[in-house]
Full PDB file with SEQRES, HELIX, SHEET, SSBOND, CRYST1, ORIGX, SCALE, CONECT and MASTER records, all heavy atoms in Angstrom:
SEQRES   1 A   42  TYR SER ARG SER HIS THR ASP LEU HIS SER PHE THR GLY          
SEQRES   2 A   42  ASP LEU THR GLU GLU SER LEU ALA ARG PRO VAL GLN ASN          
SEQRES   3 A   42  PRO TRP VAL PRO GLU LEU ALA GLY THR VAL ALA GLN ILE          
SEQRES   4 A   42  LEU MET GLN                                                  
HELIX    1 AA1 SER A    2  GLY A   13  1                                  12    
HELIX    2 AA2 GLU A   17  LEU A   20  1                                   4    
HELIX    3 AA3 PRO A   30  LEU A   32  5                                   3    
HELIX    4 AA4 VAL A   36  MET A   41  1                                   6    
CRYST1    1.000    1.000    1.000  90.00  90.00  90.00 P 1           1          
ORIGX1      1.000000  0.000000  0.000000        0.00000                         
ORIGX2      0.000000  1.000000  0.000000        0.00000                         
ORIGX3      0.000000  0.000000  1.000000        0.00000                         
SCALE1      1.000000  0.000000  0.000000        0.00000                         
SCALE2      0.000000  1.000000  0.000000        0.00000                         
SCALE3      0.000000  0.000000  1.000000        0.00000                         
ATOM      1  N   TYR A   1       0.830  -1.207   0.001  1.00  0.00           N  
ATOM      2  CA  TYR A   1      -0.001  -0.001   0.001  1.00  0.00           C  
ATOM      3  C   TYR A   1       0.862   1.254   0.001  1.00  0.00           C  
ATOM      4  O   TYR A   1       0.535   2.240  -0.656  1.00  0.00           O  
ATOM      5  CB  TYR A   1      -0.940   0.021   1.215  1.00  0.00           C  
ATOM      6  CG  TYR A   1      -2.251  -0.676   0.972  1.00  0.00           C  
ATOM      7  CD1 TYR A   1      -2.385  -2.044   1.196  1.00  0.00           C  
ATOM      8  CD2 TYR A   1      -3.355   0.028   0.526  1.00  0.00           C  
ATOM      9  CE1 TYR A   1      -3.590  -2.683   0.987  1.00  0.00           C  
ATOM     10  CE2 TYR A   1      -4.569  -0.605   0.318  1.00  0.00           C  
ATOM     11  CZ  TYR A   1      -4.684  -1.964   0.549  1.00  0.00           C  
ATOM     12  OH  TYR A   1      -5.883  -2.586   0.329  1.00  0.00           O  
ATOM     13  N   SER A   2       1.954   1.234   0.730  1.00  0.00           N  
ATOM     14  CA  SER A   2       2.829   2.398   0.775  1.00  0.00           C  
ATOM     15  C   SER A   2       3.327   2.744  -0.625  1.00  0.00           C  
ATOM     16  O   SER A   2       3.317   3.917  -1.026  1.00  0.00           O  
ATOM     17  CB  SER A   2       4.004   2.144   1.716  1.00  0.00           C  
ATOM     18  OG  SER A   2       4.853   3.265   1.751  1.00  0.00           O  
ATOM     19  N   ARG A   3       3.737   1.731  -1.382  1.00  0.00           N  
ATOM     20  CA  ARG A   3       4.183   1.970  -2.768  1.00  0.00           C  
ATOM     21  C   ARG A   3       3.043   2.514  -3.613  1.00  0.00           C  
ATOM     22  O   ARG A   3       3.210   3.470  -4.367  1.00  0.00           O  
ATOM     23  CB  ARG A   3       4.734   0.676  -3.376  1.00  0.00           C  
ATOM     24  CG  ARG A   3       6.098   0.289  -2.859  1.00  0.00           C  
ATOM     25  CD  ARG A   3       6.748  -0.808  -3.704  1.00  0.00           C  
ATOM     26  NE  ARG A   3       5.965  -2.029  -3.827  1.00  0.00           N  
ATOM     27  CZ  ARG A   3       5.942  -3.013  -2.934  1.00  0.00           C  
ATOM     28  NH1 ARG A   3       6.638  -2.914  -1.823  1.00  0.00           N  
ATOM     29  NH2 ARG A   3       5.215  -4.091  -3.146  1.00  0.00           N  
ATOM     30  N   SER A   4       1.877   1.887  -3.495  1.00  0.00           N  
ATOM     31  CA  SER A   4       0.731   2.332  -4.276  1.00  0.00           C  
ATOM     32  C   SER A   4       0.348   3.765  -3.934  1.00  0.00           C  
ATOM     33  O   SER A   4       0.129   4.597  -4.812  1.00  0.00           O  
ATOM     34  CB  SER A   4      -0.461   1.398  -4.024  1.00  0.00           C  
ATOM     35  OG  SER A   4      -1.602   1.895  -4.687  1.00  0.00           O  
ATOM     36  N   HIS A   5       0.282   4.072  -2.647  1.00  0.00           N  
ATOM     37  CA  HIS A   5      -0.112   5.412  -2.211  1.00  0.00           C  
ATOM     38  C   HIS A   5       0.898   6.467  -2.646  1.00  0.00           C  
ATOM     39  O   HIS A   5       0.519   7.562  -3.072  1.00  0.00           O  
ATOM     40  CB  HIS A   5      -0.278   5.439  -0.699  1.00  0.00           C  
ATOM     41  CG  HIS A   5      -1.445   4.637  -0.226  1.00  0.00           C  
ATOM     42  ND1 HIS A   5      -1.547   4.215   1.080  1.00  0.00           N  
ATOM     43  CD2 HIS A   5      -2.552   4.178  -0.854  1.00  0.00           C  
ATOM     44  CE1 HIS A   5      -2.676   3.535   1.228  1.00  0.00           C  
ATOM     45  NE2 HIS A   5      -3.302   3.492   0.062  1.00  0.00           N  
ATOM     46  N   THR A   6       2.172   6.141  -2.532  1.00  0.00           N  
ATOM     47  CA  THR A   6       3.206   7.089  -2.963  1.00  0.00           C  
ATOM     48  C   THR A   6       3.059   7.382  -4.451  1.00  0.00           C  
ATOM     49  O   THR A   6       3.123   8.540  -4.872  1.00  0.00           O  
ATOM     50  CB  THR A   6       4.606   6.535  -2.635  1.00  0.00           C  
ATOM     51  OG1 THR A   6       4.702   6.369  -1.215  1.00  0.00           O  
ATOM     52  CG2 THR A   6       5.700   7.474  -3.116  1.00  0.00           C  
ATOM     53  N   ASP A   7       2.856   6.340  -5.243  1.00  0.00           N  
ATOM     54  CA  ASP A   7       2.685   6.519  -6.692  1.00  0.00           C  
ATOM     55  C   ASP A   7       1.454   7.364  -7.017  1.00  0.00           C  
ATOM     56  O   ASP A   7       1.520   8.288  -7.840  1.00  0.00           O  
ATOM     57  CB  ASP A   7       2.581   5.166  -7.395  1.00  0.00           C  
ATOM     58  CG  ASP A   7       3.888   4.397  -7.415  1.00  0.00           C  
ATOM     59  OD1 ASP A   7       4.953   4.988  -7.138  1.00  0.00           O  
ATOM     60  OD2 ASP A   7       3.839   3.174  -7.705  1.00  0.00           O  
ATOM     61  N   LEU A   8       0.326   7.060  -6.390  1.00  0.00           N  
ATOM     62  CA  LEU A   8      -0.901   7.811  -6.668  1.00  0.00           C  
ATOM     63  C   LEU A   8      -0.784   9.264  -6.216  1.00  0.00           C  
ATOM     64  O   LEU A   8      -1.211  10.184  -6.925  1.00  0.00           O  
ATOM     65  CB  LEU A   8      -2.107   7.149  -5.992  1.00  0.00           C  
ATOM     66  CG  LEU A   8      -2.606   5.864  -6.617  1.00  0.00           C  
ATOM     67  CD1 LEU A   8      -3.659   5.210  -5.718  1.00  0.00           C  
ATOM     68  CD2 LEU A   8      -3.172   6.116  -8.007  1.00  0.00           C  
ATOM     69  N   HIS A   9      -0.209   9.477  -5.044  1.00  0.00           N  
ATOM     70  CA  HIS A   9      -0.037  10.833  -4.528  1.00  0.00           C  
ATOM     71  C   HIS A   9       0.866  11.643  -5.460  1.00  0.00           C  
ATOM     72  O   HIS A   9       0.567  12.787  -5.788  1.00  0.00           O  
ATOM     73  CB  HIS A   9       0.540  10.769  -3.113  1.00  0.00           C  
ATOM     74  CG  HIS A   9       0.728  12.095  -2.486  1.00  0.00           C  
ATOM     75  ND1 HIS A   9      -0.318  12.894  -2.090  1.00  0.00           N  
ATOM     76  CD2 HIS A   9       1.846  12.790  -2.185  1.00  0.00           C  
ATOM     77  CE1 HIS A   9       0.158  14.011  -1.570  1.00  0.00           C  
ATOM     78  NE2 HIS A   9       1.466  13.965  -1.622  1.00  0.00           N  
ATOM     79  N   SER A  10       1.941  11.051  -5.901  1.00  0.00           N  
ATOM     80  CA  SER A  10       2.867  11.729  -6.814  1.00  0.00           C  
ATOM     81  C   SER A  10       2.188  12.044  -8.145  1.00  0.00           C  
ATOM     82  O   SER A  10       2.300  13.156  -8.664  1.00  0.00           O  
ATOM     83  CB  SER A  10       4.099  10.849  -7.038  1.00  0.00           C  
ATOM     84  OG  SER A  10       4.958  11.443  -7.969  1.00  0.00           O  
ATOM     85  N   PHE A  11       1.472  11.059  -8.682  1.00  0.00           N  
ATOM     86  CA  PHE A  11       0.798  11.261  -9.966  1.00  0.00           C  
ATOM     87  C   PHE A  11      -0.237  12.377  -9.876  1.00  0.00           C  
ATOM     88  O   PHE A  11      -0.285  13.258 -10.732  1.00  0.00           O  
ATOM     89  CB  PHE A  11       0.129   9.959 -10.440  1.00  0.00           C  
ATOM     90  CG  PHE A  11      -0.577  10.113 -11.755  1.00  0.00           C  
ATOM     91  CD1 PHE A  11       0.142  10.068 -12.932  1.00  0.00           C  
ATOM     92  CD2 PHE A  11      -1.946  10.323 -11.812  1.00  0.00           C  
ATOM     93  CE1 PHE A  11      -0.490  10.228 -14.167  1.00  0.00           C  
ATOM     94  CE2 PHE A  11      -2.592  10.490 -13.030  1.00  0.00           C  
ATOM     95  CZ  PHE A  11      -1.864  10.438 -14.212  1.00  0.00           C  
ATOM     96  N   THR A  12      -1.059  12.357  -8.854  1.00  0.00           N  
ATOM     97  CA  THR A  12      -2.118  13.370  -8.763  1.00  0.00           C  
ATOM     98  C   THR A  12      -1.562  14.743  -8.411  1.00  0.00           C  
ATOM     99  O   THR A  12      -2.178  15.754  -8.724  1.00  0.00           O  
ATOM    100  CB  THR A  12      -3.211  12.964  -7.749  1.00  0.00           C  
ATOM    101  OG1 THR A  12      -2.631  12.757  -6.467  1.00  0.00           O  
ATOM    102  CG2 THR A  12      -3.941  11.709  -8.214  1.00  0.00           C  
ATOM    103  N   GLY A  13      -0.390  14.786  -7.806  1.00  0.00           N  
ATOM    104  CA  GLY A  13       0.233  16.070  -7.499  1.00  0.00           C  
ATOM    105  C   GLY A  13       0.615  16.845  -8.740  1.00  0.00           C  
ATOM    106  O   GLY A  13       0.723  18.073  -8.705  1.00  0.00           O  
ATOM    107  N   ASP A  14       0.809  16.143  -9.846  1.00  0.00           N  
ATOM    108  CA  ASP A  14       1.213  16.785 -11.101  1.00  0.00           C  
ATOM    109  C   ASP A  14       0.054  17.015 -12.070  1.00  0.00           C  
ATOM    110  O   ASP A  14       0.272  17.428 -13.206  1.00  0.00           O  
ATOM    111  CB  ASP A  14       2.274  15.924 -11.807  1.00  0.00           C  
ATOM    112  CG  ASP A  14       3.572  15.847 -11.022  1.00  0.00           C  
ATOM    113  OD1 ASP A  14       3.866  16.790 -10.255  1.00  0.00           O  
ATOM    114  OD2 ASP A  14       4.288  14.831 -11.161  1.00  0.00           O  
ATOM    115  N   LEU A  15      -1.171  16.766 -11.647  1.00  0.00           N  
ATOM    116  CA  LEU A  15      -2.319  16.914 -12.545  1.00  0.00           C  
ATOM    117  C   LEU A  15      -2.603  18.372 -12.897  1.00  0.00           C  
ATOM    118  O   LEU A  15      -2.359  19.271 -12.100  1.00  0.00           O  
ATOM    119  CB  LEU A  15      -3.579  16.333 -11.897  1.00  0.00           C  
ATOM    120  CG  LEU A  15      -3.692  14.827 -11.784  1.00  0.00           C  
ATOM    121  CD1 LEU A  15      -4.956  14.454 -11.021  1.00  0.00           C  
ATOM    122  CD2 LEU A  15      -3.678  14.174 -13.156  1.00  0.00           C  
ATOM    123  N   THR A  16      -3.145  18.542 -14.096  1.00  0.00           N  
ATOM    124  CA  THR A  16      -3.708  19.824 -14.524  1.00  0.00           C  
ATOM    125  C   THR A  16      -5.102  19.531 -15.047  1.00  0.00           C  
ATOM    126  O   THR A  16      -5.442  18.371 -15.319  1.00  0.00           O  
ATOM    127  CB  THR A  16      -2.878  20.466 -15.653  1.00  0.00           C  
ATOM    128  OG1 THR A  16      -2.944  19.593 -16.811  1.00  0.00           O  
ATOM    129  CG2 THR A  16      -1.417  20.669 -15.240  1.00  0.00           C  
ATOM    130  N   GLU A  17      -5.899  20.573 -15.198  1.00  0.00           N  
ATOM    131  CA  GLU A  17      -7.244  20.365 -15.756  1.00  0.00           C  
ATOM    132  C   GLU A  17      -7.144  19.728 -17.141  1.00  0.00           C  
ATOM    133  O   GLU A  17      -7.944  18.844 -17.474  1.00  0.00           O  
ATOM    134  CB  GLU A  17      -8.012  21.693 -15.823  1.00  0.00           C  
ATOM    135  CG  GLU A  17      -8.372  22.272 -14.466  1.00  0.00           C  
ATOM    136  CD  GLU A  17      -9.336  21.403 -13.652  1.00  0.00           C  
ATOM    137  OE1 GLU A  17     -10.201  20.730 -14.228  1.00  0.00           O  
ATOM    138  OE2 GLU A  17      -9.203  21.409 -12.415  1.00  0.00           O  
ATOM    139  N   GLU A  18      -6.161  20.129 -17.924  1.00  0.00           N  
ATOM    140  CA  GLU A  18      -6.000  19.568 -19.270  1.00  0.00           C  
ATOM    141  C   GLU A  18      -5.609  18.090 -19.214  1.00  0.00           C  
ATOM    142  O   GLU A  18      -6.081  17.285 -20.014  1.00  0.00           O  
ATOM    143  CB  GLU A  18      -4.939  20.349 -20.058  1.00  0.00           C  
ATOM    144  CG  GLU A  18      -5.295  21.793 -20.341  1.00  0.00           C  
ATOM    145  CD  GLU A  18      -5.104  22.716 -19.120  1.00  0.00           C  
ATOM    146  OE1 GLU A  18      -4.183  22.479 -18.301  1.00  0.00           O  
ATOM    147  OE2 GLU A  18      -5.910  23.645 -18.968  1.00  0.00           O  
ATOM    148  N   SER A  19      -4.745  17.748 -18.276  1.00  0.00           N  
ATOM    149  CA  SER A  19      -4.292  16.352 -18.215  1.00  0.00           C  
ATOM    150  C   SER A  19      -5.411  15.405 -17.806  1.00  0.00           C  
ATOM    151  O   SER A  19      -5.376  14.219 -18.148  1.00  0.00           O  
ATOM    152  CB  SER A  19      -3.087  16.206 -17.281  1.00  0.00           C  
ATOM    153  OG  SER A  19      -3.435  16.449 -15.938  1.00  0.00           O  
ATOM    154  N   LEU A  20      -6.419  15.904 -17.098  1.00  0.00           N  
ATOM    155  CA  LEU A  20      -7.546  15.046 -16.707  1.00  0.00           C  
ATOM    156  C   LEU A  20      -8.313  14.520 -17.914  1.00  0.00           C  
ATOM    157  O   LEU A  20      -8.919  13.456 -17.853  1.00  0.00           O  
ATOM    158  CB  LEU A  20      -8.503  15.801 -15.790  1.00  0.00           C  
ATOM    159  CG  LEU A  20      -8.006  16.075 -14.384  1.00  0.00           C  
ATOM    160  CD1 LEU A  20      -9.041  16.912 -13.633  1.00  0.00           C  
ATOM    161  CD2 LEU A  20      -7.710  14.789 -13.641  1.00  0.00           C  
ATOM    162  N   ALA A  21      -8.281  15.251 -19.005  1.00  0.00           N  
ATOM    163  CA  ALA A  21      -9.028  14.860 -20.209  1.00  0.00           C  
ATOM    164  C   ALA A  21      -8.231  13.941 -21.131  1.00  0.00           C  
ATOM    165  O   ALA A  21      -8.780  13.431 -22.120  1.00  0.00           O  
ATOM    166  CB  ALA A  21      -9.455  16.114 -20.975  1.00  0.00           C  
ATOM    167  N   ARG A  22      -6.974  13.699 -20.816  1.00  0.00           N  
ATOM    168  CA  ARG A  22      -6.140  12.853 -21.673  1.00  0.00           C  
ATOM    169  C   ARG A  22      -6.696  11.432 -21.718  1.00  0.00           C  
ATOM    170  O   ARG A  22      -6.983  10.829 -20.690  1.00  0.00           O  
ATOM    171  CB  ARG A  22      -4.699  12.830 -21.140  1.00  0.00           C  
ATOM    172  CG  ARG A  22      -3.768  11.904 -21.941  1.00  0.00           C  
ATOM    173  CD  ARG A  22      -2.338  11.942 -21.423  1.00  0.00           C  
ATOM    174  NE  ARG A  22      -2.168  11.571 -20.039  1.00  0.00           N  
ATOM    175  CZ  ARG A  22      -2.010  10.324 -19.597  1.00  0.00           C  
ATOM    176  NH1 ARG A  22      -2.062   9.297 -20.431  1.00  0.00           N  
ATOM    177  NH2 ARG A  22      -1.820  10.099 -18.306  1.00  0.00           N  
ATOM    178  N   PRO A  23      -6.834  10.868 -22.931  1.00  0.00           N  
ATOM    179  CA  PRO A  23      -7.296   9.474 -23.037  1.00  0.00           C  
ATOM    180  C   PRO A  23      -6.231   8.511 -22.505  1.00  0.00           C  
ATOM    181  O   PRO A  23      -5.040   8.734 -22.671  1.00  0.00           O  
ATOM    182  CB  PRO A  23      -7.494   9.249 -24.538  1.00  0.00           C  
ATOM    183  CG  PRO A  23      -7.325  10.569 -25.191  1.00  0.00           C  
ATOM    184  CD  PRO A  23      -6.644  11.488 -24.232  1.00  0.00           C  
ATOM    185  N   VAL A  24      -6.698   7.459 -21.879  1.00  0.00           N  
ATOM    186  CA  VAL A  24      -5.813   6.425 -21.326  1.00  0.00           C  
ATOM    187  C   VAL A  24      -6.248   5.088 -21.909  1.00  0.00           C  
ATOM    188  O   VAL A  24      -7.417   4.725 -21.828  1.00  0.00           O  
ATOM    189  CB  VAL A  24      -5.912   6.383 -19.781  1.00  0.00           C  
ATOM    190  CG1 VAL A  24      -5.042   5.268 -19.224  1.00  0.00           C  
ATOM    191  CG2 VAL A  24      -5.541   7.717 -19.167  1.00  0.00           C  
ATOM    192  N   GLN A  25      -5.298   4.387 -22.497  1.00  0.00           N  
ATOM    193  CA  GLN A  25      -5.574   3.069 -23.040  1.00  0.00           C  
ATOM    194  C   GLN A  25      -5.443   2.028 -21.941  1.00  0.00           C  
ATOM    195  O   GLN A  25      -4.634   2.155 -21.034  1.00  0.00           O  
ATOM    196  CB  GLN A  25      -4.607   2.750 -24.185  1.00  0.00           C  
ATOM    197  CG  GLN A  25      -4.727   3.698 -25.359  1.00  0.00           C  
ATOM    198  CD  GLN A  25      -6.140   3.753 -25.905  1.00  0.00           C  
ATOM    199  OE1 GLN A  25      -6.754   2.724 -26.167  1.00  0.00           O  
ATOM    200  NE2 GLN A  25      -6.678   4.967 -26.057  1.00  0.00           N  
ATOM    201  N   ASN A  26      -6.258   0.989 -22.054  1.00  0.00           N  
ATOM    202  CA  ASN A  26      -6.195  -0.121 -21.117  1.00  0.00           C  
ATOM    203  C   ASN A  26      -5.576  -1.302 -21.865  1.00  0.00           C  
ATOM    204  O   ASN A  26      -6.236  -1.918 -22.699  1.00  0.00           O  
ATOM    205  CB  ASN A  26      -7.601  -0.466 -20.615  1.00  0.00           C  
ATOM    206  CG  ASN A  26      -7.596  -1.548 -19.568  1.00  0.00           C  
ATOM    207  OD1 ASN A  26      -6.734  -2.415 -19.551  1.00  0.00           O  
ATOM    208  ND2 ASN A  26      -8.585  -1.502 -18.690  1.00  0.00           N  
ATOM    209  N   PRO A  27      -4.301  -1.615 -21.576  1.00  0.00           N  
ATOM    210  CA  PRO A  27      -3.651  -2.692 -22.320  1.00  0.00           C  
ATOM    211  C   PRO A  27      -4.199  -4.072 -22.003  1.00  0.00           C  
ATOM    212  O   PRO A  27      -4.017  -5.008 -22.773  1.00  0.00           O  
ATOM    213  CB  PRO A  27      -2.180  -2.571 -21.906  1.00  0.00           C  
ATOM    214  CG  PRO A  27      -2.199  -1.877 -20.595  1.00  0.00           C  
ATOM    215  CD  PRO A  27      -3.417  -0.990 -20.599  1.00  0.00           C  
ATOM    216  N   TRP A  28      -4.881  -4.225 -20.868  1.00  0.00           N  
ATOM    217  CA  TRP A  28      -5.391  -5.528 -20.456  1.00  0.00           C  
ATOM    218  C   TRP A  28      -6.812  -5.757 -20.948  1.00  0.00           C  
ATOM    219  O   TRP A  28      -7.161  -6.867 -21.325  1.00  0.00           O  
ATOM    220  CB  TRP A  28      -5.322  -5.675 -18.936  1.00  0.00           C  
ATOM    221  CG  TRP A  28      -3.914  -5.568 -18.442  1.00  0.00           C  
ATOM    222  CD1 TRP A  28      -2.954  -6.545 -18.501  1.00  0.00           C  
ATOM    223  CD2 TRP A  28      -3.283  -4.435 -17.862  1.00  0.00           C  
ATOM    224  NE1 TRP A  28      -1.763  -6.079 -17.985  1.00  0.00           N  
ATOM    225  CE2 TRP A  28      -1.943  -4.781 -17.569  1.00  0.00           C  
ATOM    226  CE3 TRP A  28      -3.712  -3.147 -17.538  1.00  0.00           C  
ATOM    227  CZ2 TRP A  28      -1.041  -3.903 -16.992  1.00  0.00           C  
ATOM    228  CZ3 TRP A  28      -2.808  -2.266 -16.948  1.00  0.00           C  
ATOM    229  CH2 TRP A  28      -1.500  -2.650 -16.689  1.00  0.00           C  
ATOM    230  N   VAL A  29      -7.633  -4.700 -20.906  1.00  0.00           N  
ATOM    231  CA  VAL A  29      -9.030  -4.795 -21.364  1.00  0.00           C  
ATOM    232  C   VAL A  29      -9.319  -3.519 -22.174  1.00  0.00           C  
ATOM    233  O   VAL A  29      -9.809  -2.529 -21.633  1.00  0.00           O  
ATOM    234  CB  VAL A  29     -10.006  -4.919 -20.168  1.00  0.00           C  
ATOM    235  CG1 VAL A  29     -11.421  -5.204 -20.648  1.00  0.00           C  
ATOM    236  CG2 VAL A  29      -9.547  -5.985 -19.186  1.00  0.00           C  
ATOM    237  N   PRO A  30      -8.983  -3.528 -23.474  1.00  0.00           N  
ATOM    238  CA  PRO A  30      -9.062  -2.308 -24.283  1.00  0.00           C  
ATOM    239  C   PRO A  30     -10.421  -1.603 -24.258  1.00  0.00           C  
ATOM    240  O   PRO A  30     -10.483  -0.375 -24.314  1.00  0.00           O  
ATOM    241  CB  PRO A  30      -8.729  -2.802 -25.693  1.00  0.00           C  
ATOM    242  CG  PRO A  30      -7.892  -4.022 -25.470  1.00  0.00           C  
ATOM    243  CD  PRO A  30      -8.443  -4.657 -24.215  1.00  0.00           C  
ATOM    244  N   GLU A  31     -11.498  -2.349 -24.118  1.00  0.00           N  
ATOM    245  CA  GLU A  31     -12.818  -1.706 -24.109  1.00  0.00           C  
ATOM    246  C   GLU A  31     -13.102  -0.960 -22.804  1.00  0.00           C  
ATOM    247  O   GLU A  31     -14.082  -0.249 -22.693  1.00  0.00           O  
ATOM    248  CB  GLU A  31     -13.944  -2.697 -24.426  1.00  0.00           C  
ATOM    249  CG  GLU A  31     -14.060  -3.865 -23.492  1.00  0.00           C  
ATOM    250  CD  GLU A  31     -13.166  -5.052 -23.840  1.00  0.00           C  
ATOM    251  OE1 GLU A  31     -12.289  -4.939 -24.705  1.00  0.00           O  
ATOM    252  OE2 GLU A  31     -13.360  -6.101 -23.217  1.00  0.00           O  
ATOM    253  N   LEU A  32     -12.235  -1.102 -21.817  1.00  0.00           N  
ATOM    254  CA  LEU A  32     -12.396  -0.393 -20.544  1.00  0.00           C  
ATOM    255  C   LEU A  32     -11.377   0.738 -20.415  1.00  0.00           C  
ATOM    256  O   LEU A  32     -10.769   0.937 -19.373  1.00  0.00           O  
ATOM    257  CB  LEU A  32     -12.274  -1.355 -19.363  1.00  0.00           C  
ATOM    258  CG  LEU A  32     -13.347  -2.432 -19.273  1.00  0.00           C  
ATOM    259  CD1 LEU A  32     -13.126  -3.306 -18.046  1.00  0.00           C  
ATOM    260  CD2 LEU A  32     -14.737  -1.817 -19.239  1.00  0.00           C  
ATOM    261  N   ALA A  33     -11.203   1.481 -21.483  1.00  0.00           N  
ATOM    262  CA  ALA A  33     -10.325   2.650 -21.475  1.00  0.00           C  
ATOM    263  C   ALA A  33     -11.134   3.860 -21.022  1.00  0.00           C  
ATOM    264  O   ALA A  33     -12.353   3.797 -20.892  1.00  0.00           O  
ATOM    265  CB  ALA A  33      -9.749   2.873 -22.868  1.00  0.00           C  
ATOM    266  N   GLY A  34     -10.475   4.972 -20.772  1.00  0.00           N  
ATOM    267  CA  GLY A  34     -11.162   6.197 -20.370  1.00  0.00           C  
ATOM    268  C   GLY A  34     -10.185   7.344 -20.309  1.00  0.00           C  
ATOM    269  O   GLY A  34      -9.045   7.228 -20.750  1.00  0.00           O  
ATOM    270  N   THR A  35     -10.608   8.436 -19.741  1.00  0.00           N  
ATOM    271  CA  THR A  35      -9.717   9.576 -19.547  1.00  0.00           C  
ATOM    272  C   THR A  35      -8.986   9.421 -18.218  1.00  0.00           C  
ATOM    273  O   THR A  35      -9.358   8.579 -17.381  1.00  0.00           O  
ATOM    274  CB  THR A  35     -10.504  10.894 -19.526  1.00  0.00           C  
ATOM    275  OG1 THR A  35     -11.365  10.889 -18.379  1.00  0.00           O  
ATOM    276  CG2 THR A  35     -11.314  11.097 -20.809  1.00  0.00           C  
ATOM    277  N   VAL A  36      -7.997  10.250 -17.999  1.00  0.00           N  
ATOM    278  CA  VAL A  36      -7.278  10.242 -16.721  1.00  0.00           C  
ATOM    279  C   VAL A  36      -8.266  10.431 -15.577  1.00  0.00           C  
ATOM    280  O   VAL A  36      -8.228   9.698 -14.575  1.00  0.00           O  
ATOM    281  CB  VAL A  36      -6.181  11.327 -16.698  1.00  0.00           C  
ATOM    282  CG1 VAL A  36      -5.631  11.533 -15.288  1.00  0.00           C  
ATOM    283  CG2 VAL A  36      -5.058  10.974 -17.669  1.00  0.00           C  
ATOM    284  N   ALA A  37      -9.177  11.396 -15.711  1.00  0.00           N  
ATOM    285  CA  ALA A  37     -10.164  11.644 -14.651  1.00  0.00           C  
ATOM    286  C   ALA A  37     -11.027  10.415 -14.402  1.00  0.00           C  
ATOM    287  O   ALA A  37     -11.282  10.049 -13.247  1.00  0.00           O  
ATOM    288  CB  ALA A  37     -11.039  12.842 -15.010  1.00  0.00           C  
ATOM    289  N   GLN A  38     -11.472   9.759 -15.456  1.00  0.00           N  
ATOM    290  CA  GLN A  38     -12.325   8.580 -15.306  1.00  0.00           C  
ATOM    291  C   GLN A  38     -11.567   7.417 -14.667  1.00  0.00           C  
ATOM    292  O   GLN A  38     -12.116   6.710 -13.812  1.00  0.00           O  
ATOM    293  CB  GLN A  38     -12.895   8.171 -16.665  1.00  0.00           C  
ATOM    294  CG  GLN A  38     -13.900   9.167 -17.192  1.00  0.00           C  
ATOM    295  CD  GLN A  38     -14.220   8.963 -18.666  1.00  0.00           C  
ATOM    296  OE1 GLN A  38     -13.412   8.430 -19.436  1.00  0.00           O  
ATOM    297  NE2 GLN A  38     -15.413   9.391 -19.056  1.00  0.00           N  
ATOM    298  N   ILE A  39     -10.328   7.232 -15.047  1.00  0.00           N  
ATOM    299  CA  ILE A  39      -9.529   6.149 -14.470  1.00  0.00           C  
ATOM    300  C   ILE A  39      -9.266   6.421 -12.994  1.00  0.00           C  
ATOM    301  O   ILE A  39      -9.373   5.516 -12.148  1.00  0.00           O  
ATOM    302  CB  ILE A  39      -8.208   5.949 -15.248  1.00  0.00           C  
ATOM    303  CG1 ILE A  39      -8.487   5.559 -16.699  1.00  0.00           C  
ATOM    304  CG2 ILE A  39      -7.303   4.949 -14.547  1.00  0.00           C  
ATOM    305  CD1 ILE A  39      -9.317   4.301 -16.909  1.00  0.00           C  
ATOM    306  N   LEU A  40      -8.953   7.662 -12.644  1.00  0.00           N  
ATOM    307  CA  LEU A  40      -8.742   7.985 -11.232  1.00  0.00           C  
ATOM    308  C   LEU A  40     -10.017   7.795 -10.421  1.00  0.00           C  
ATOM    309  O   LEU A  40      -9.969   7.296  -9.288  1.00  0.00           O  
ATOM    310  CB  LEU A  40      -8.205   9.411 -11.080  1.00  0.00           C  
ATOM    311  CG  LEU A  40      -6.729   9.558 -11.443  1.00  0.00           C  
ATOM    312  CD1 LEU A  40      -6.346  11.030 -11.539  1.00  0.00           C  
ATOM    313  CD2 LEU A  40      -5.846   8.821 -10.449  1.00  0.00           C  
ATOM    314  N   MET A  41     -11.152   8.157 -10.981  1.00  0.00           N  
ATOM    315  CA  MET A  41     -12.416   7.923 -10.276  1.00  0.00           C  
ATOM    316  C   MET A  41     -12.668   6.434 -10.101  1.00  0.00           C  
ATOM    317  O   MET A  41     -13.166   6.003  -9.057  1.00  0.00           O  
ATOM    318  CB  MET A  41     -13.588   8.599 -10.993  1.00  0.00           C  
ATOM    319  CG  MET A  41     -13.592  10.109 -10.846  1.00  0.00           C  
ATOM    320  SD  MET A  41     -13.547  10.693  -9.125  1.00  0.00           S  
ATOM    321  CE  MET A  41     -15.056  10.010  -8.480  1.00  0.00           C  
ATOM    322  N   GLN A  42     -12.290   5.629 -11.085  1.00  0.00           N  
ATOM    323  CA  GLN A  42     -12.417   4.178 -10.952  1.00  0.00           C  
ATOM    324  C   GLN A  42     -11.565   3.672  -9.791  1.00  0.00           C  
ATOM    325  O   GLN A  42     -12.021   2.874  -8.969  1.00  0.00           O  
ATOM    326  CB  GLN A  42     -12.010   3.471 -12.251  1.00  0.00           C  
ATOM    327  CG  GLN A  42     -11.925   1.962 -12.150  1.00  0.00           C  
ATOM    328  CD  GLN A  42     -13.227   1.285 -11.749  1.00  0.00           C  
ATOM    329  OE1 GLN A  42     -14.307   1.797 -12.013  1.00  0.00           O  
ATOM    330  NE2 GLN A  42     -13.116   0.135 -11.110  1.00  0.00           N  
TER     331      GLN A  42                                                      
MASTER        0    0    0    4    0    0    0    6  330    1    0    4          
END                                                                             
């Protein structure tokens, strides 16, 4: 959890409103892709 939390905290610390709209591909289940904002909400 410490590794996961550090990674998530670091990633969200660098967010901008524009970056939230960036599309994100899902390499494991391509039909479950979304934007950065949608993936973070997931």
